[in-house]
């Protein structure tokens, strides 16, 4: 992964846009990574990957809770804000 300083990224922005179509680019400020530029295609693929992972985790948790007898009613009782 290539690295550009924030100043380089600012002055060479057009070049960065072209480069991120091929690979992610790190942007640093004061020798610290402050961001990573990726193509729109990679960004959408990452979002879909993590959304799918979250959906699977939620489904698995719901199935496990149901198998252990957790009902909607019991969940409401557990989550009730009692004073």
Protein backbone atom coordinates (compact mmCIF):
# COMPACT_ATOMS: atom_id res chain seq x y z
CA UNK A 1 0.00 0.00 0.00
CA UNK A 2 1.41 3.37 -0.96
CA UNK A 3 1.56 6.22 1.52
CA UNK A 4 1.12 9.93 0.89
CA UNK A 5 1.42 12.74 3.37
CA UNK A 6 -1.67 14.91 3.78
CA UNK A 7 0.14 17.70 1.93
CA UNK A 8 1.06 15.39 -0.96
CA UNK A 9 -2.51 14.10 -1.07
CA UNK A 10 -3.78 17.66 -1.30
CA UNK A 11 -1.42 18.74 -4.05
CA UNK A 12 -1.63 15.45 -6.01
CA UNK A 13 -5.31 14.69 -5.48
CA UNK A 14 -6.02 13.88 -9.13
CA UNK A 15 -3.20 11.33 -9.12
CA UNK A 16 -4.54 9.78 -5.91
CA UNK A 17 -7.98 9.35 -7.46
CA UNK A 18 -6.38 7.42 -10.31
CA UNK A 19 -4.19 5.32 -8.01
CA UNK A 20 -6.98 4.25 -5.65
CA UNK A 21 -8.66 2.55 -8.58
CA UNK A 22 -5.79 0.04 -8.40
CA UNK A 23 -4.94 -0.10 -4.68
CA UNK A 24 -5.74 1.62 -1.36
CA UNK A 25 -3.61 4.64 -0.43
CA UNK A 26 -2.66 5.58 3.15
CA UNK A 27 -2.64 9.26 4.07
CA UNK A 28 -0.42 10.38 6.94
CA UNK A 29 -0.12 13.54 8.97
CA UNK A 30 2.81 14.05 11.36
CA UNK A 31 3.96 10.47 10.67
CA UNK A 32 0.60 9.01 11.75
CA UNK A 33 -1.89 7.29 9.45
CA UNK A 34 -5.02 9.47 9.48
CA UNK A 35 -6.94 7.88 6.64
CA UNK A 36 -7.04 5.40 3.81
CA UNK A 37 -8.45 6.16 0.38
CA UNK A 38 -10.11 3.30 -1.50
CA UNK A 39 -12.05 3.07 -4.73
CA UNK A 40 -15.82 3.38 -4.58
CA UNK A 41 -16.05 -0.25 -5.71
CA UNK A 42 -13.85 -1.45 -2.83
CA UNK A 43 -15.74 0.72 -0.35
CA UNK A 44 -19.11 -0.74 -1.37
CA UNK A 45 -17.71 -4.29 -1.30
CA UNK A 46 -16.40 -3.73 2.25
CA UNK A 47 -19.73 -2.30 3.41
CA UNK A 48 -21.61 -5.26 1.95
CA UNK A 49 -19.16 -7.72 3.52
CA UNK A 50 -19.60 -6.23 7.01
CA UNK A 51 -23.38 -5.84 6.63
CA UNK A 52 -23.64 -9.51 5.65
CA UNK A 53 -21.44 -10.50 8.58
CA UNK A 54 -23.65 -8.51 10.96
CA UNK A 55 -26.83 -10.09 9.51
CA UNK A 56 -25.39 -13.58 10.02
CA UNK A 57 -24.30 -12.79 13.58
CA UNK A 58 -27.74 -11.39 14.47
CA UNK A 59 -29.50 -14.40 12.95
CA UNK A 60 -27.22 -16.79 14.83
CA UNK A 61 -27.78 -14.92 18.11
CA UNK A 62 -31.55 -14.94 17.61
CA UNK A 63 -31.56 -18.67 16.86
CA UNK A 64 -29.44 -19.40 19.93
CA UNK A 65 -31.65 -17.26 22.16
CA UNK A 66 -34.78 -18.95 20.82
CA UNK A 67 -33.30 -22.39 21.37
CA UNK A 68 -32.70 -21.44 25.00
CA UNK A 69 -36.30 -20.33 25.47
CA UNK A 70 -36.06 -16.58 25.03
CA UNK A 71 -39.40 -15.29 23.76
CA UNK A 72 -40.42 -11.79 22.75
CA UNK A 73 -42.32 -11.49 26.00
CA UNK A 74 -39.32 -12.51 28.12
CA UNK A 75 -37.13 -10.11 26.18
CA UNK A 76 -39.58 -7.27 26.84
CA UNK A 77 -39.49 -8.09 30.54
CA UNK A 78 -35.69 -8.14 30.60
CA UNK A 79 -35.49 -4.82 28.78
CA UNK A 80 -38.26 -3.11 30.73
CA UNK A 81 -37.08 0.05 32.42
CA UNK A 82 -38.16 -0.54 35.98
CA UNK A 83 -37.83 2.32 38.46
